[in-house]
Structure formats: C-alpha cells, structure tokens
Amino acid sequence: MAANWWVSTQRKHWLFTKEKLADIRASLDAVDAKSVAQFPLPEKRLLNIYFNTQMIRLGKRMSIRQQALATAQIYLKRFYTKVPIRDTNPYLVLATCVYLACKIEECPQHIRVLAGEARTFWPEYITGEISKLAECEFHIISEMNSYLIVHHPYRTLQELTPMLGLTSDESSTAWCVINDSYLTDLPLLHAPHVIALTAIFLAVVLKPTQGQGLGASAAGTPPGQGGGQASANVAAATQALGSGVPGNGRINKLTEWYAESGVDIEALVDCTQEIISLYEVWDGFSEKACKEQLGRMIKQRGLC
C-alpha cells in the first residue's frame, strides 16, 4: 500500500490524458460496434449521474461511509475502461464495486446482506445469488490488476481547511463538490490534490447562498436552477485564476496562494470547467430514460 499518492499505483497506472481515455473508450466500442448501434445508452455523464443515484440509495440503506462509495465509483470507472459496458450487467457490477470498496476501506459488509439489499433495489436485474457477486468481484479485481488502493481529495481538503482559513460553510461546500467530481472523469484525469483545490476554489467563488446546486450528488438530485449569476462568478474567477488578473478580496487572496504554491493552474481551470459542465448537463438528466435504456440492453442481451 502506498501512503503517498506520488508513488502510488493510482498515479502510475490509473491516470490518463483526455485523449488517451477517449481512445480507450473508442476501442471498446469498436469491439462490438453492432451492439453499440443496437443498444444506445445515455451520454456518459448522464449515465454517471444515474449510477451515482443508485449507489447512494444502496449506501444509505446500508449506512456505508461516503469514502467507500467514492472508492466504489472509481472502481466502476476503472472497470469500464477495460470491459465494454454492454457485455455486463451494470447493476451487478455496481453492487460488486460497493462490496469490494467496503472491504478495502475497512467497513466491510457481509456478502449475503449486500446481495439481498441489491436484490431489493433492482429485483429485475439482480438475482441475489451470492455466487454471481463473488464471480463479479474476482472479475473486477482481475481487470484492475489488483490495484485497489485509492487516494481521495478529502484528505487534502481537511489539511488545507485551517491553512486557508475556510469557514465551515466553505469547507462543507468544497466537500460536496468533491463528491460531485466522482460523476465526471476527473478522478481518472487529475491528481486528488488538484480536485481538492478546485473544490475549494468553487466553494469560495460560489458561496453556499449562490451555489445551491453544489453537492447535488450527495442527495441524488439535480442541482438547483437559476445559477446564471453563479456561472458568471465562476467565469470571472476562472479567468482571474488562469490569467493572473486580480480578482477581488477573498478570491484574489486564494488565487495568489495557488500561484505561489506551484499548483498546475491549467489543471485547476480544466477541473473547474468540468464540474460546471456537469451541473449544466444535469438539467437534461432523466432517471426513467436511463433505467429504460439499461433495462432494455440487459434483458435483450440476457445479462441478468
């Protein structure tokens, strides 16, 4: 186990460029182009939102810690860079990722209990057979080459909260933004500390009264509407962050600290844009549509 992210398997084996990640996914689709055409699925971010809502419901039912759910989400992303989603039962994979993540994060759940709860939530797609979940666990571990330790942004946030003088509201908002980052590709593209710094930046720019949509994934609900002013604030602050043009007050002090810290400003801007893009896409999310498309694929391909 690597306590240091810089020498971890996460950095060595599970960090990609956007271009590389796109190539990997395109290669998976090319393996069975006929199935891709026959069973269209929602846009990737919408599918991430759907998987997140399902995972949160299962987690709440079993009182699973947020960090374990975050680890499960990363396992799900990693697995689907190795295996075409249309060759799997996503509900079984999701439940198995939660089961495996709970083991790794030292809050284990009994396999029989988790299989039963999964069966309760998704009776059309989960049989509740322990053997299937166990087989899927072996498959996931194998595809990830047993690289199971995950470093999260939460630790950086906790360390920087007193250093940057964040208020309790700002810290809570940043924590929620980190939660939302798992609905994007950011955990596969950027280091945990970069995501944490992005969350802090957004929490300071979008005060809790202005950024009511932040942290939407924690509740499994779409972000609030009427975020025009919030988006304008982010655009202005992001420009200041990327160009070095002074902002105002608190934002100016934060951007100065970032510049002095030597953090990759381009990476921060990219992460910020990705998070804001997620909130914009969320407006078009339909849980019913995602469920119907996945259900059709699972049943017609006999993946139950």
Protein backbone atom coordinates (compact mmCIF):
# COMPACT_ATOMS: atom_id res chain seq x y z
CA MET A 1 0.00 0.00 0.00
CA ALA A 2 1.34 3.47 -0.93
CA ALA A 3 0.53 6.16 1.60
CA ASN A 4 2.00 8.70 -0.83
CA TRP A 5 -0.02 9.41 -3.97
CA TRP A 6 3.12 10.29 -5.95
CA VAL A 7 4.41 6.72 -5.75
CA SER A 8 1.01 5.02 -5.80
CA THR A 9 -0.39 2.59 -8.36
CA GLN A 10 -3.17 5.11 -8.87
CA ARG A 11 -0.70 7.61 -10.32
CA LYS A 12 1.34 5.01 -12.19
CA HIS A 13 -1.48 3.01 -13.76
CA TRP A 14 -4.80 4.85 -13.46
CA LEU A 15 -4.11 8.40 -14.58
CA PHE A 16 -4.86 9.23 -18.22
CA THR A 17 -4.95 12.16 -20.58
CA LYS A 18 -8.31 13.07 -22.07
CA GLU A 19 -7.12 11.86 -25.45
CA LYS A 20 -5.94 8.51 -24.10
CA LEU A 21 -9.19 7.95 -22.22
CA ALA A 22 -11.21 8.77 -25.32
CA ASP A 23 -9.11 6.33 -27.37
CA ILE A 24 -9.63 3.57 -24.79
CA ARG A 25 -13.39 4.02 -24.86
CA ALA A 26 -13.49 4.21 -28.64
CA SER A 27 -11.54 0.95 -28.83
CA LEU A 28 -14.02 -0.75 -26.51
CA ASP A 29 -16.95 0.44 -28.63
CA ALA A 30 -15.20 -0.79 -31.78
CA VAL A 31 -15.00 -4.33 -30.36
CA ASP A 32 -18.75 -4.76 -30.91
CA ALA A 33 -19.95 -1.83 -32.97
CA LYS A 34 -23.17 -3.66 -33.80
CA SER A 35 -24.20 -3.81 -30.13
CA VAL A 36 -23.28 -0.15 -29.65
CA ALA A 37 -25.62 0.77 -32.50
CA GLN A 38 -28.35 -1.63 -31.39
CA PHE A 39 -28.34 -0.61 -27.74
CA PRO A 40 -27.73 3.14 -27.44
CA LEU A 41 -27.05 4.35 -23.91
CA PRO A 42 -27.33 7.81 -22.34
CA GLU A 43 -24.49 10.30 -22.66
CA LYS A 44 -21.62 9.28 -20.38
CA ARG A 45 -22.13 11.98 -17.76
CA LEU A 46 -25.87 11.28 -17.55
CA LEU A 47 -25.07 7.60 -17.06
CA ASN A 48 -22.62 8.56 -14.31
CA ILE A 49 -25.36 10.56 -12.59
CA TYR A 50 -27.71 7.59 -12.79
CA PHE A 51 -25.14 5.15 -11.38
CA ASN A 52 -24.40 7.63 -8.61
CA THR A 53 -28.04 7.94 -7.56
CA GLN A 54 -28.35 4.14 -7.42
CA MET A 55 -25.14 3.79 -5.43
CA ILE A 56 -26.19 6.46 -2.94
CA ARG A 57 -29.53 4.76 -2.31
CA LEU A 58 -27.81 1.45 -1.67
CA GLY A 59 -25.22 3.16 0.52
CA LYS A 60 -27.79 4.98 2.61
CA ARG A 61 -29.77 1.79 3.12
CA MET A 62 -26.63 0.08 4.47
CA SER A 63 -25.10 3.13 6.21
CA ILE A 64 -21.94 2.96 4.10
CA ARG A 65 -19.37 5.74 4.52
CA GLN A 66 -19.00 8.33 1.76
CA GLN A 67 -15.34 7.48 1.13
CA ALA A 68 -16.23 3.83 0.49
CA LEU A 69 -18.87 4.93 -2.03
CA ALA A 70 -16.31 7.22 -3.66
CA THR A 71 -13.90 4.30 -3.96
CA ALA A 72 -16.69 2.19 -5.47
CA GLN A 73 -17.34 4.88 -8.08
CA ILE A 74 -13.69 4.88 -9.09
CA TYR A 75 -13.69 1.07 -9.33
CA LEU A 76 -16.71 1.34 -11.64
CA LYS A 77 -14.91 3.84 -13.87
CA ARG A 78 -11.73 1.78 -13.97
CA PHE A 79 -13.59 -1.43 -14.77
CA TYR A 80 -15.36 0.18 -17.71
CA THR A 81 -12.04 1.27 -19.21
CA LYS A 82 -11.26 -2.45 -19.52
CA VAL A 83 -14.62 -4.06 -20.29
CA PRO A 84 -17.41 -2.89 -22.65
CA ILE A 85 -20.43 -1.90 -20.59
CA ARG A 86 -22.75 -3.75 -23.00
CA ASP A 87 -21.07 -7.03 -22.08
CA THR A 88 -22.04 -6.65 -18.42
CA ASN A 89 -24.97 -6.24 -16.06
CA PRO A 90 -24.19 -2.73 -14.72
CA TYR A 91 -26.35 -3.26 -11.63
CA LEU A 92 -24.35 -6.33 -10.64
CA VAL A 93 -21.08 -4.51 -11.34
CA LEU A 94 -22.24 -1.52 -9.29
CA ALA A 95 -23.23 -3.66 -6.31
CA THR A 96 -19.97 -5.59 -6.51
CA CYS A 97 -17.91 -2.40 -6.63
CA VAL A 98 -19.63 -1.26 -3.43
CA TYR A 99 -18.96 -4.61 -1.78
CA LEU A 100 -15.28 -4.57 -2.77
CA ALA A 101 -14.80 -0.91 -1.82
CA CYS A 102 -16.22 -1.55 1.65
CA LYS A 103 -13.59 -4.24 2.15
CA ILE A 104 -10.74 -2.00 1.04
CA GLU A 105 -11.97 0.99 3.06
CA GLU A 106 -12.23 -1.21 6.17
CA CYS A 107 -16.01 -1.02 6.61
CA PRO A 108 -16.87 -4.50 5.27
CA GLN A 109 -20.41 -5.63 4.51
CA HIS A 110 -21.44 -9.27 4.56
CA ILE A 111 -21.83 -10.52 1.02
CA ARG A 112 -25.20 -12.12 1.76
CA VAL A 113 -26.57 -8.87 3.21
CA LEU A 114 -25.36 -6.74 0.32
CA ALA A 115 -26.63 -9.20 -2.27
CA GLY A 116 -30.02 -9.16 -0.55
CA GLU A 117 -30.19 -5.37 -0.47
CA ALA A 118 -29.19 -5.18 -4.14
CA ARG A 119 -31.92 -7.66 -4.94
CA THR A 120 -34.42 -5.42 -3.09
CA PHE A 121 -33.40 -2.34 -5.08
CA TRP A 122 -33.10 -3.95 -8.51
CA PRO A 123 -35.21 -7.15 -8.48
CA GLU A 124 -35.47 -7.20 -12.29
CA TYR A 125 -31.69 -7.36 -12.71
CA ILE A 126 -30.21 -8.90 -9.56
CA THR A 127 -30.98 -12.47 -8.53
CA GLY A 128 -29.46 -12.20 -5.09
CA GLU A 129 -27.21 -15.19 -5.73
CA ILE A 130 -24.02 -14.79 -3.74
CA SER A 131 -22.01 -16.76 -6.30
CA LYS A 132 -22.68 -14.18 -9.03
CA LEU A 133 -21.49 -11.32 -6.87
CA ALA A 134 -18.39 -13.29 -5.86
CA GLU A 135 -17.60 -14.10 -9.51
CA CYS A 136 -18.04 -10.47 -10.46
CA GLU A 137 -15.72 -9.41 -7.62
CA PHE A 138 -12.99 -11.68 -8.97
CA HIS A 139 -13.54 -10.27 -12.46
CA ILE A 140 -13.25 -6.66 -11.26
CA ILE A 141 -10.11 -7.33 -9.23
CA SER A 142 -8.56 -9.12 -12.20
CA GLU A 143 -9.33 -6.31 -14.66
CA MET A 144 -7.84 -3.76 -12.24
CA ASN A 145 -4.74 -5.94 -11.80
CA SER A 146 -5.36 -5.93 -8.05
CA TYR A 147 -4.55 -2.20 -7.84
CA LEU A 148 -7.24 -1.40 -5.30
CA ILE A 149 -5.86 1.40 -3.11
CA VAL A 150 -7.46 4.75 -3.97
CA HIS A 151 -6.32 8.19 -2.86
CA HIS A 152 -9.11 10.75 -2.46
CA PRO A 153 -9.26 14.57 -2.38
CA TYR A 154 -10.93 14.61 1.05
CA ARG A 155 -7.63 14.40 2.92
CA THR A 156 -6.19 17.44 1.13
CA LEU A 157 -9.35 19.40 1.89
CA GLN A 158 -9.11 18.55 5.58
CA GLU A 159 -5.45 19.60 5.69
CA LEU A 160 -5.99 22.89 3.85
CA THR A 161 -9.17 24.00 5.63
CA PRO A 162 -7.33 25.58 8.62
CA MET A 163 -4.38 26.69 6.47
CA LEU A 164 -6.61 28.68 4.10
CA GLY A 165 -8.99 29.78 6.83
CA LEU A 166 -12.05 28.22 5.21
CA THR A 167 -15.33 28.73 7.01
CA SER A 168 -17.41 25.71 7.96
CA ASP A 169 -19.82 26.52 5.11
CA GLU A 170 -16.98 26.76 2.59
CA SER A 171 -15.45 23.51 3.80
CA SER A 172 -18.81 21.73 3.59
CA THR A 173 -19.44 23.10 0.11
CA ALA A 174 -15.98 22.01 -1.04
CA TRP A 175 -16.62 18.51 0.36
CA CYS A 176 -19.83 18.37 -1.67
CA VAL A 177 -18.04 19.49 -4.84
CA ILE A 178 -15.55 16.67 -4.32
CA ASN A 179 -18.48 14.26 -4.08
CA ASP A 180 -19.76 15.60 -7.39
CA SER A 181 -16.35 15.21 -9.04
CA TYR A 182 -16.84 11.44 -8.97
CA LEU A 183 -19.64 11.87 -11.51
CA THR A 184 -17.05 13.13 -14.00
CA ASP A 185 -13.82 11.70 -15.42
CA LEU A 186 -11.72 13.91 -13.14
CA PRO A 187 -10.56 11.04 -10.87
CA LEU A 188 -9.04 9.40 -13.97
CA LEU A 189 -7.52 12.64 -15.29
CA HIS A 190 -6.16 14.63 -12.35
CA ALA A 191 -4.44 14.13 -9.02
CA PRO A 192 -6.61 14.16 -5.88
CA HIS A 193 -5.00 17.35 -4.55
CA VAL A 194 -5.86 19.18 -7.79
CA ILE A 195 -9.51 18.14 -7.45
CA ALA A 196 -9.50 19.27 -3.80
CA LEU A 197 -8.05 22.67 -4.73
CA THR A 198 -10.70 23.02 -7.44
CA ALA A 199 -13.42 22.24 -4.91
CA ILE A 200 -12.04 24.87 -2.53
CA PHE A 201 -11.90 27.41 -5.36
CA LEU A 202 -15.53 26.77 -6.30
CA ALA A 203 -16.64 26.85 -2.66
CA VAL A 204 -15.10 30.30 -2.19
CA VAL A 205 -16.32 31.68 -5.52
CA LEU A 206 -19.80 30.21 -5.16
CA LYS A 207 -20.83 31.00 -1.64
CA PRO A 208 -23.37 28.49 -0.26
CA THR A 209 -26.17 31.01 -0.91
CA GLN A 210 -25.10 31.31 -4.56
CA GLY A 211 -24.08 27.73 -5.23
CA GLN A 212 -27.12 25.79 -4.11
CA GLY A 213 -26.56 23.26 -6.89
CA LEU A 214 -23.19 22.21 -5.49
CA GLY A 215 -23.11 18.85 -3.83
CA ALA A 216 -26.19 17.66 -5.67
CA SER A 217 -24.85 14.12 -5.93
CA ALA A 218 -24.98 13.69 -2.16
CA ALA A 219 -28.75 13.87 -2.33
CA GLY A 220 -29.06 12.18 -5.70
CA THR A 221 -30.99 15.19 -7.00
CA PRO A 222 -30.23 17.65 -9.79
CA PRO A 223 -28.63 20.97 -8.94
CA GLY A 224 -30.78 24.00 -8.37
CA GLN A 225 -31.88 26.25 -11.20
CA GLY A 226 -31.23 29.93 -11.65
CA GLY A 227 -27.47 29.69 -11.49
CA GLY A 228 -26.79 32.44 -14.03
CA GLN A 229 -25.07 34.73 -11.56
CA ALA A 230 -23.14 31.82 -10.08
CA SER A 231 -21.92 30.81 -13.55
CA ALA A 232 -20.87 34.40 -14.24
CA ASN A 233 -18.94 34.47 -10.97
CA VAL A 234 -17.15 31.24 -11.86
CA ALA A 235 -16.30 32.50 -15.35
CA ALA A 236 -14.81 35.72 -13.98
CA ALA A 237 -12.90 33.96 -11.21
CA THR A 238 -11.62 31.27 -13.58
CA GLN A 239 -10.33 33.95 -15.93
CA ALA A 240 -8.52 35.57 -13.00
CA LEU A 241 -7.11 32.20 -11.98
CA GLY A 242 -5.81 31.41 -15.45
CA SER A 243 -4.52 34.85 -16.38
CA GLY A 244 -3.26 36.19 -13.09
CA VAL A 245 -5.58 39.19 -13.36
CA PRO A 246 -6.52 40.31 -9.85
CA GLY A 247 -9.96 39.35 -8.64
CA ASN A 248 -11.44 40.82 -5.52
CA GLY A 249 -10.99 40.23 -1.82
CA ARG A 250 -11.07 36.59 -0.82
CA ILE A 251 -10.83 35.26 -4.36
CA ASN A 252 -7.74 37.37 -5.02
CA LYS A 253 -6.00 36.02 -1.92
CA LEU A 254 -6.86 32.46 -2.89
CA THR A 255 -5.58 32.83 -6.46
CA GLU A 256 -2.36 34.37 -5.12
CA TRP A 257 -1.91 31.40 -2.77
CA TYR A 258 -2.48 28.99 -5.67
CA ALA A 259 0.07 30.82 -7.82
CA GLU A 260 2.67 30.75 -5.04
CA SER A 261 2.03 27.08 -4.26
CA GLY A 262 3.16 26.00 -7.73
CA VAL A 263 0.00 24.03 -8.44
CA ASP A 264 -0.86 23.42 -12.11
CA ILE A 265 -3.21 26.32 -12.87
CA GLU A 266 -4.25 24.85 -16.22
CA ALA A 267 -5.32 21.67 -14.45
CA LEU A 268 -7.37 23.73 -11.96
CA VAL A 269 -9.10 25.59 -14.77
CA ASP A 270 -9.83 22.31 -16.57
CA CYS A 271 -11.29 20.76 -13.41
CA THR A 272 -13.41 23.84 -12.75
CA GLN A 273 -14.83 23.79 -16.26
CA GLU A 274 -15.56 20.06 -16.00
CA ILE A 275 -17.52 20.50 -12.76
CA ILE A 276 -19.54 23.41 -14.12
CA SER A 277 -20.20 21.42 -17.29
CA LEU A 278 -21.55 18.58 -15.15
CA TYR A 279 -24.07 20.88 -13.49
CA GLU A 280 -25.20 22.18 -16.88
CA VAL A 281 -25.63 18.65 -18.27
CA TRP A 282 -27.56 17.62 -15.16
CA ASP A 283 -30.53 19.69 -16.33
CA GLY A 284 -31.13 17.07 -19.02
CA PHE A 285 -30.94 14.08 -16.70
CA SER A 286 -33.86 11.66 -16.71
CA GLU A 287 -33.64 8.72 -14.34
CA LYS A 288 -36.51 7.00 -16.13
CA ALA A 289 -34.79 7.23 -19.53
CA CYS A 290 -31.52 5.84 -18.16
CA LYS A 291 -33.27 2.97 -16.44
CA GLU A 292 -35.25 2.06 -19.57
CA GLN A 293 -32.21 2.05 -21.85
CA LEU A 294 -30.13 -0.01 -19.45
CA GLY A 295 -33.01 -2.39 -18.80
CA ARG A 296 -33.59 -2.98 -22.49
CA MET A 297 -29.90 -3.75 -23.01
CA ILE A 298 -29.65 -6.12 -20.04
CA LYS A 299 -32.78 -8.09 -20.88
CA GLN A 300 -32.31 -8.40 -24.63
CA ARG A 301 -28.67 -9.46 -24.21
CA GLY A 302 -29.59 -11.93 -21.45
CA LEU A 303 -27.25 -10.38 -18.85
CA CYS A 304 -29.46 -10.85 -15.78
